[in-house]
């Protein structure tokens, strides 16, 4: 998949997977980035709009286009990238995106799916709740 973001090209492989097969009943907003293959996998049940912006987020946050958001690696980086994406997406898509991201971070924390990033997830969750 190729995206243009303010004149910069974001390119990555994309995939869909029903994360219920791995985790049981869980939100449809999970997203996973594989650095080795430069692939973003979004839950197969997620909307096209959410999948698009979640994919862009992963490419910038932890993928090969970290340079597009040159904020020092910190707990706030992930939430700040979401805020930047919200500022460029159509207003009609913002509320759903925020809701799905909140669901995703809550699921990640509740299930402790990536313990090394729990502090970042908490910070991102707080950021999204503030902009909601």
N, C-alpha and C. Protein backbone atom coordinates (compact mmCIF):
# COMPACT_ATOMS: atom_id res chain seq x y z
N UNK A 1 0.84 -1.16 0.00
CA UNK A 1 0.00 0.00 0.00
C UNK A 1 0.90 1.24 0.00
N UNK A 2 0.47 2.25 -0.72
CA UNK A 2 1.22 3.50 -0.81
C UNK A 2 0.29 4.64 -0.42
N UNK A 3 0.78 5.51 0.47
CA UNK A 3 0.03 6.68 0.92
C UNK A 3 0.86 7.91 0.68
N UNK A 4 0.19 9.01 0.40
CA UNK A 4 0.84 10.31 0.33
C UNK A 4 0.41 11.09 1.57
N UNK A 5 1.37 11.54 2.34
CA UNK A 5 1.09 12.32 3.54
C UNK A 5 1.84 13.63 3.44
N UNK A 6 1.11 14.68 3.09
CA UNK A 6 1.72 16.01 2.97
C UNK A 6 2.96 16.00 2.07
N UNK A 7 2.87 15.29 0.96
CA UNK A 7 3.96 15.24 0.00
C UNK A 7 4.99 14.15 0.25
N UNK A 8 4.88 13.46 1.34
CA UNK A 8 5.81 12.36 1.65
C UNK A 8 5.11 11.03 1.33
N UNK A 9 5.87 10.12 0.79
CA UNK A 9 5.31 8.81 0.45
C UNK A 9 5.54 7.83 1.58
N UNK A 10 4.47 7.15 1.95
CA UNK A 10 4.53 6.08 2.95
C UNK A 10 4.18 4.81 2.21
N UNK A 11 5.07 3.84 2.29
CA UNK A 11 4.87 2.58 1.57
C UNK A 11 5.11 1.42 2.52
N UNK A 12 4.16 0.48 2.51
CA UNK A 12 4.31 -0.71 3.33
C UNK A 12 3.42 -1.81 2.78
N UNK A 13 3.68 -3.00 3.24
CA UNK A 13 2.80 -4.12 2.93
C UNK A 13 1.66 -4.09 3.93
N UNK A 14 0.52 -4.57 3.51
CA UNK A 14 -0.63 -4.60 4.41
C UNK A 14 -1.27 -5.97 4.39
N UNK A 15 -1.93 -6.27 5.48
CA UNK A 15 -2.65 -7.53 5.58
C UNK A 15 -3.83 -7.38 6.51
N UNK A 16 -4.70 -8.34 6.47
CA UNK A 16 -5.86 -8.38 7.35
C UNK A 16 -5.85 -9.73 8.06
N UNK A 17 -6.28 -9.72 9.31
CA UNK A 17 -6.34 -10.95 10.09
C UNK A 17 -7.42 -10.77 11.15
N UNK A 18 -8.21 -11.79 11.36
CA UNK A 18 -9.23 -11.75 12.41
C UNK A 18 -8.53 -12.12 13.71
N UNK A 19 -8.20 -11.12 14.51
CA UNK A 19 -7.45 -11.34 15.74
C UNK A 19 -8.21 -12.15 16.78
N UNK A 20 -9.50 -12.39 16.57
CA UNK A 20 -10.25 -13.27 17.47
C UNK A 20 -9.69 -14.69 17.40
N UNK A 21 -9.12 -15.06 16.27
CA UNK A 21 -8.53 -16.40 16.13
C UNK A 21 -7.34 -16.58 17.08
N UNK A 22 -6.67 -15.48 17.38
CA UNK A 22 -5.50 -15.53 18.25
C UNK A 22 -5.86 -15.22 19.71
N UNK A 23 -6.80 -14.28 19.92
CA UNK A 23 -7.06 -13.79 21.27
C UNK A 23 -8.46 -14.06 21.80
N UNK A 24 -9.31 -14.69 21.02
CA UNK A 24 -10.70 -14.85 21.43
C UNK A 24 -11.48 -13.57 21.17
N UNK A 25 -12.60 -13.42 21.84
CA UNK A 25 -13.43 -12.23 21.60
C UNK A 25 -12.66 -10.98 22.01
N UNK A 26 -12.44 -10.11 21.05
CA UNK A 26 -11.63 -8.91 21.27
C UNK A 26 -12.05 -7.85 20.25
N UNK A 27 -11.69 -6.62 20.50
CA UNK A 27 -12.02 -5.52 19.61
C UNK A 27 -11.54 -5.76 18.18
N UNK A 28 -12.20 -5.10 17.25
CA UNK A 28 -11.82 -5.21 15.84
C UNK A 28 -10.81 -4.13 15.44
N UNK A 29 -10.19 -3.48 16.42
CA UNK A 29 -9.30 -2.37 16.12
C UNK A 29 -7.82 -2.67 16.34
N UNK A 30 -7.47 -3.93 16.58
CA UNK A 30 -6.06 -4.26 16.78
C UNK A 30 -5.27 -4.09 15.49
N UNK A 31 -4.03 -3.66 15.66
CA UNK A 31 -3.12 -3.41 14.55
C UNK A 31 -1.76 -3.94 14.98
N UNK A 32 -1.03 -4.51 14.04
CA UNK A 32 0.27 -5.09 14.35
C UNK A 32 1.25 -4.73 13.24
N UNK A 33 2.47 -4.34 13.62
CA UNK A 33 3.50 -4.03 12.63
C UNK A 33 4.62 -5.05 12.74
N UNK A 34 5.03 -5.59 11.60
CA UNK A 34 6.16 -6.51 11.53
C UNK A 34 7.30 -5.80 10.81
N UNK A 35 8.35 -5.49 11.57
CA UNK A 35 9.47 -4.73 11.03
C UNK A 35 10.21 -5.48 9.92
N UNK A 36 10.38 -6.76 10.11
CA UNK A 36 11.14 -7.56 9.14
C UNK A 36 10.53 -7.50 7.74
N UNK A 37 9.22 -7.60 7.66
CA UNK A 37 8.56 -7.61 6.35
C UNK A 37 7.93 -6.26 6.00
N UNK A 38 8.05 -5.28 6.89
CA UNK A 38 7.43 -3.96 6.71
C UNK A 38 5.94 -4.13 6.40
N UNK A 39 5.28 -4.93 7.23
CA UNK A 39 3.87 -5.24 7.03
C UNK A 39 3.03 -4.78 8.22
N UNK A 40 1.96 -4.08 7.91
CA UNK A 40 0.98 -3.69 8.92
C UNK A 40 -0.22 -4.59 8.73
N UNK A 41 -0.60 -5.28 9.79
CA UNK A 41 -1.78 -6.14 9.77
C UNK A 41 -2.85 -5.51 10.63
N UNK A 42 -4.02 -5.34 10.03
CA UNK A 42 -5.17 -4.74 10.71
C UNK A 42 -6.24 -5.82 10.81
N UNK A 43 -7.01 -5.77 11.88
CA UNK A 43 -8.09 -6.74 12.05
C UNK A 43 -8.99 -6.74 10.82
N UNK A 44 -9.34 -7.93 10.37
CA UNK A 44 -10.15 -8.07 9.15
C UNK A 44 -11.54 -7.48 9.31
N UNK A 45 -11.98 -7.27 10.52
CA UNK A 45 -13.31 -6.71 10.76
C UNK A 45 -13.32 -5.19 10.80
N UNK A 46 -12.16 -4.56 10.79
CA UNK A 46 -12.06 -3.10 10.89
C UNK A 46 -12.54 -2.44 9.59
N UNK A 47 -13.06 -1.23 9.72
CA UNK A 47 -13.51 -0.48 8.55
C UNK A 47 -12.31 -0.09 7.69
N UNK A 48 -12.57 0.21 6.44
CA UNK A 48 -11.50 0.64 5.53
C UNK A 48 -10.86 1.93 6.02
N UNK A 49 -11.67 2.85 6.50
CA UNK A 49 -11.15 4.13 6.99
C UNK A 49 -10.21 3.92 8.17
N UNK A 50 -10.66 3.14 9.15
CA UNK A 50 -9.82 2.88 10.31
C UNK A 50 -8.53 2.17 9.88
N UNK A 51 -8.66 1.19 9.02
CA UNK A 51 -7.48 0.44 8.56
C UNK A 51 -6.47 1.37 7.89
N UNK A 52 -6.95 2.30 7.10
CA UNK A 52 -6.05 3.23 6.41
C UNK A 52 -5.25 4.06 7.41
N UNK A 53 -5.94 4.72 8.33
CA UNK A 53 -5.24 5.61 9.25
C UNK A 53 -4.43 4.84 10.29
N UNK A 54 -4.89 3.69 10.70
CA UNK A 54 -4.12 2.87 11.63
C UNK A 54 -2.83 2.37 10.96
N UNK A 55 -2.93 2.07 9.68
CA UNK A 55 -1.74 1.64 8.92
C UNK A 55 -0.74 2.78 8.81
N UNK A 56 -1.22 3.96 8.46
CA UNK A 56 -0.33 5.13 8.38
C UNK A 56 0.33 5.36 9.74
N UNK A 57 -0.48 5.28 10.80
CA UNK A 57 0.06 5.46 12.15
C UNK A 57 1.22 4.50 12.42
N UNK A 58 1.02 3.23 12.14
CA UNK A 58 2.07 2.23 12.41
C UNK A 58 3.33 2.51 11.60
N UNK A 59 3.17 2.92 10.36
CA UNK A 59 4.34 3.20 9.52
C UNK A 59 5.16 4.37 10.06
N UNK A 60 4.47 5.33 10.67
CA UNK A 60 5.16 6.50 11.22
C UNK A 60 5.65 6.22 12.64
N UNK A 61 4.85 5.56 13.43
CA UNK A 61 5.17 5.36 14.84
C UNK A 61 6.30 4.35 15.05
N UNK A 62 6.20 3.21 14.39
CA UNK A 62 7.20 2.17 14.63
C UNK A 62 7.75 1.56 13.34
N UNK A 63 7.32 2.07 12.21
CA UNK A 63 7.75 1.54 10.93
C UNK A 63 8.91 2.30 10.33
N UNK A 64 9.03 2.21 9.04
CA UNK A 64 10.18 2.78 8.33
C UNK A 64 10.07 4.26 8.05
N UNK A 65 8.97 4.89 8.43
CA UNK A 65 8.82 6.33 8.19
C UNK A 65 8.77 7.13 9.49
N UNK A 66 9.55 6.71 10.46
CA UNK A 66 9.64 7.44 11.72
C UNK A 66 10.09 8.88 11.49
N UNK A 67 10.81 9.10 10.40
CA UNK A 67 11.31 10.42 10.08
C UNK A 67 10.20 11.44 9.83
N UNK A 68 8.99 10.97 9.53
CA UNK A 68 7.89 11.89 9.25
C UNK A 68 7.32 12.53 10.52
N UNK A 69 7.70 12.03 11.64
CA UNK A 69 7.26 12.61 12.91
C UNK A 69 8.47 12.62 13.83
N UNK A 70 9.35 13.61 13.60
CA UNK A 70 10.64 13.62 14.30
C UNK A 70 10.56 14.13 15.74
N UNK A 71 9.72 13.46 16.51
CA UNK A 71 9.65 13.75 17.94
C UNK A 71 10.49 12.69 18.63
N UNK A 72 11.24 13.11 19.59
CA UNK A 72 12.08 12.15 20.30
C UNK A 72 11.21 11.00 20.81
N UNK A 73 11.78 9.81 20.77
CA UNK A 73 11.05 8.63 21.26
C UNK A 73 10.64 8.87 22.71
N UNK A 74 9.38 8.87 22.94
CA UNK A 74 8.89 9.10 24.30
C UNK A 74 7.53 8.45 24.46
N UNK A 75 7.02 8.52 25.65
CA UNK A 75 5.71 7.96 25.93
C UNK A 75 4.61 8.67 25.16
N UNK A 76 4.82 9.91 24.79
CA UNK A 76 3.79 10.70 24.13
C UNK A 76 3.77 10.56 22.61
N UNK A 77 4.78 9.97 22.04
CA UNK A 77 4.91 9.91 20.57
C UNK A 77 3.67 9.31 19.91
N UNK A 78 3.23 8.18 20.37
CA UNK A 78 2.11 7.47 19.76
C UNK A 78 0.84 8.32 19.78
N UNK A 79 0.52 8.90 20.92
CA UNK A 79 -0.66 9.74 21.03
C UNK A 79 -0.56 10.98 20.16
N UNK A 80 0.63 11.55 20.09
CA UNK A 80 0.83 12.74 19.26
C UNK A 80 0.67 12.43 17.77
N UNK A 81 1.08 11.24 17.37
CA UNK A 81 0.88 10.84 15.97
C UNK A 81 -0.61 10.71 15.69
N UNK A 82 -1.36 10.12 16.62
CA UNK A 82 -2.81 10.05 16.44
C UNK A 82 -3.42 11.44 16.32
N UNK A 83 -2.98 12.38 17.13
CA UNK A 83 -3.49 13.75 17.04
C UNK A 83 -3.18 14.36 15.68
N UNK A 84 -1.99 14.12 15.17
CA UNK A 84 -1.63 14.64 13.85
C UNK A 84 -2.53 14.03 12.78
N UNK A 85 -2.77 12.73 12.85
CA UNK A 85 -3.64 12.07 11.87
C UNK A 85 -5.06 12.60 11.96
N UNK A 86 -5.54 12.84 13.16
CA UNK A 86 -6.88 13.40 13.33
C UNK A 86 -7.00 14.77 12.66
N UNK A 87 -5.92 15.52 12.67
CA UNK A 87 -5.96 16.86 12.08
C UNK A 87 -6.03 16.83 10.55
N UNK A 88 -5.64 15.71 9.94
CA UNK A 88 -5.65 15.66 8.48
C UNK A 88 -6.78 14.80 7.90
N UNK A 89 -7.42 13.99 8.73
CA UNK A 89 -8.49 13.14 8.20
C UNK A 89 -9.80 13.93 8.13
N UNK A 90 -10.70 13.50 7.28
CA UNK A 90 -12.00 14.16 7.22
C UNK A 90 -12.69 14.15 8.58
N UNK A 91 -13.33 15.24 8.90
CA UNK A 91 -13.99 15.36 10.20
C UNK A 91 -14.98 14.23 10.45
N UNK A 92 -15.62 13.77 9.39
CA UNK A 92 -16.62 12.71 9.52
C UNK A 92 -16.04 11.37 9.99
N UNK A 93 -14.72 11.20 9.89
CA UNK A 93 -14.06 9.96 10.28
C UNK A 93 -13.41 10.02 11.66
N UNK A 94 -13.29 11.19 12.22
CA UNK A 94 -12.53 11.38 13.46
C UNK A 94 -13.12 10.66 14.66
N UNK A 95 -14.40 10.83 14.89
CA UNK A 95 -15.03 10.25 16.08
C UNK A 95 -14.88 8.73 16.11
N UNK A 96 -15.11 8.09 14.98
CA UNK A 96 -14.98 6.63 14.92
C UNK A 96 -13.53 6.21 15.12
N UNK A 97 -12.59 6.94 14.51
CA UNK A 97 -11.18 6.61 14.68
C UNK A 97 -10.79 6.69 16.16
N UNK A 98 -11.17 7.77 16.82
CA UNK A 98 -10.84 7.93 18.24
C UNK A 98 -11.44 6.78 19.05
N UNK A 99 -12.70 6.47 18.80
CA UNK A 99 -13.37 5.38 19.53
C UNK A 99 -12.63 4.06 19.35
N UNK A 100 -12.25 3.76 18.12
CA UNK A 100 -11.57 2.49 17.85
C UNK A 100 -10.16 2.45 18.45
N UNK A 101 -9.47 3.58 18.43
CA UNK A 101 -8.14 3.61 19.04
C UNK A 101 -8.25 3.42 20.55
N UNK A 102 -9.24 4.04 21.17
CA UNK A 102 -9.45 3.85 22.60
C UNK A 102 -9.73 2.38 22.89
N UNK A 103 -10.60 1.77 22.10
CA UNK A 103 -10.88 0.32 22.26
C UNK A 103 -9.60 -0.49 22.14
N UNK A 104 -8.77 -0.14 21.15
CA UNK A 104 -7.54 -0.89 20.94
C UNK A 104 -6.61 -0.79 22.14
N UNK A 105 -6.37 0.44 22.62
CA UNK A 105 -5.45 0.60 23.76
C UNK A 105 -6.00 -0.05 25.02
N UNK A 106 -7.31 0.03 25.23
CA UNK A 106 -7.90 -0.64 26.39
C UNK A 106 -7.72 -2.15 26.30
N UNK A 107 -7.91 -2.71 25.12
CA UNK A 107 -7.73 -4.16 24.94
C UNK A 107 -6.26 -4.55 25.15
N UNK A 108 -5.35 -3.77 24.61
CA UNK A 108 -3.93 -4.06 24.79
C UNK A 108 -3.55 -4.05 26.26
N UNK A 109 -4.09 -3.10 27.00
CA UNK A 109 -3.79 -3.01 28.43
C UNK A 109 -4.51 -4.09 29.23
N UNK A 110 -5.80 -4.27 28.96
CA UNK A 110 -6.58 -5.27 29.71
C UNK A 110 -6.01 -6.67 29.56
N UNK A 111 -5.57 -6.98 28.36
CA UNK A 111 -5.04 -8.32 28.09
C UNK A 111 -3.53 -8.41 28.23
N UNK A 112 -2.89 -7.26 28.50
CA UNK A 112 -1.43 -7.21 28.67
C UNK A 112 -0.73 -7.83 27.45
N UNK A 113 -1.16 -7.40 26.25
CA UNK A 113 -0.68 -8.02 25.02
C UNK A 113 0.73 -7.61 24.62
N UNK A 114 1.18 -6.46 25.10
CA UNK A 114 2.55 -6.02 24.81
C UNK A 114 3.05 -5.26 26.03
N UNK A 115 3.40 -5.99 27.10
CA UNK A 115 3.72 -5.37 28.39
C UNK A 115 4.81 -4.31 28.33
N UNK A 116 5.76 -4.45 27.43
CA UNK A 116 6.84 -3.47 27.32
C UNK A 116 6.34 -2.09 26.92
N UNK A 117 5.17 -2.03 26.31
CA UNK A 117 4.63 -0.76 25.84
C UNK A 117 3.43 -0.26 26.64
N UNK A 118 3.14 -0.90 27.76
CA UNK A 118 1.96 -0.51 28.54
C UNK A 118 1.97 0.96 28.95
N UNK A 119 3.11 1.50 29.34
CA UNK A 119 3.16 2.92 29.72
C UNK A 119 2.82 3.81 28.53
N UNK A 120 3.32 3.46 27.37
CA UNK A 120 3.00 4.21 26.15
C UNK A 120 1.51 4.09 25.84
N UNK A 121 0.96 2.90 25.98
CA UNK A 121 -0.47 2.70 25.71
C UNK A 121 -1.32 3.54 26.66
N UNK A 122 -0.96 3.59 27.93
CA UNK A 122 -1.71 4.40 28.89
C UNK A 122 -1.67 5.88 28.52
N UNK A 123 -0.52 6.34 28.12
CA UNK A 123 -0.35 7.74 27.72
C UNK A 123 -1.17 8.04 26.46
N UNK A 124 -1.14 7.15 25.50
CA UNK A 124 -1.92 7.32 24.26
C UNK A 124 -3.41 7.30 24.55
N UNK A 125 -3.82 6.43 25.41
CA UNK A 125 -5.22 6.34 25.80
C UNK A 125 -5.68 7.65 26.43
N UNK A 126 -4.87 8.20 27.32
CA UNK A 126 -5.21 9.46 27.95
C UNK A 126 -5.30 10.59 26.92
N UNK A 127 -4.36 10.63 26.00
CA UNK A 127 -4.37 11.65 24.93
C UNK A 127 -5.65 11.57 24.12
N UNK A 128 -6.03 10.37 23.73
CA UNK A 128 -7.24 10.20 22.92
C UNK A 128 -8.49 10.57 23.69
N UNK A 129 -8.54 10.26 24.96
CA UNK A 129 -9.70 10.64 25.78
C UNK A 129 -9.80 12.15 25.92
N UNK A 130 -8.66 12.82 25.95
CA UNK A 130 -8.66 14.28 26.04
C UNK A 130 -9.13 14.94 24.76
N UNK A 131 -8.80 14.37 23.60
CA UNK A 131 -9.21 15.00 22.33
C UNK A 131 -10.63 14.59 21.94
N UNK A 132 -11.15 13.58 22.59
CA UNK A 132 -12.51 13.12 22.28
C UNK A 132 -13.44 14.19 22.65
